[in-house]
């Protein structure tokens, strides 16, 4: 399906994405998706991230000891973020892929800009009851359209004031559920082939190697500095994806 050079590029992408996740605890789907869409089409990039994203985030979702409390508190948000993925994925066969790639670029730019600026939104407990399902729905639709799990879901989880360990576990739960829903949606729209599934499974190896390497880097490098470099790079990549996608739009 892909030539040797593209396969090497895919392996290198997941090695880098795994390294980023090893250093700062997030970013594997975001980095892999952003880089892959430069070389291949968006639906194929979304399919390739499924296995590495699911395995790495399942571990993150299971560790922390806050699983039951998170589910009791956030089940409406998580439910809507999962069931609405199908709605967004329907756009992959109905909307010009250049426009969806541009939307992915916009989401990356927004996520990077908000993180670099240090914006912190606050959502109270009474607001959480109705904001959660709305944000979950928006997150699910955007996940289906672009493969990106982070906007606005991660911003919501940060805004409700979860402790650090619970926040990391909640993000893992969101990403795991979103990955499973995305796999079902892609398969239902005939966008997940056996070949892509096998290549996604193979991509788990460089992703794990990168995570181990990143964890070692974390011990020697300022996490604050690495995060800043990461978000600046993500911002620039998002701008590039937008420009390339709109330039190719017919």
Foldseek 3Di string as FASTA:
>chain_A
DDDPVLLVVLLVQLLQQLLLCLQQVDRNQVSQQLSNVVPDFQLLSLLLQLPLLQVSLVVLLVPQPCNVVCCVLQVLLLVLLQPLLLVLLVVVVPPPSLVLLLVSLVVLQVVLVCVLVVDAAADESVRCVPVRNVQSNVQSNNCNSGVDNVPPVLSVLRRHDDPPSVSSNSVSSSSNSSSVSNVVSCVVVVSHDPVSNVSSNVSNVSSNVSSVVSNVVNVPDDSVVSSNVVSVVSNVSSVVSNVVSVVPDD
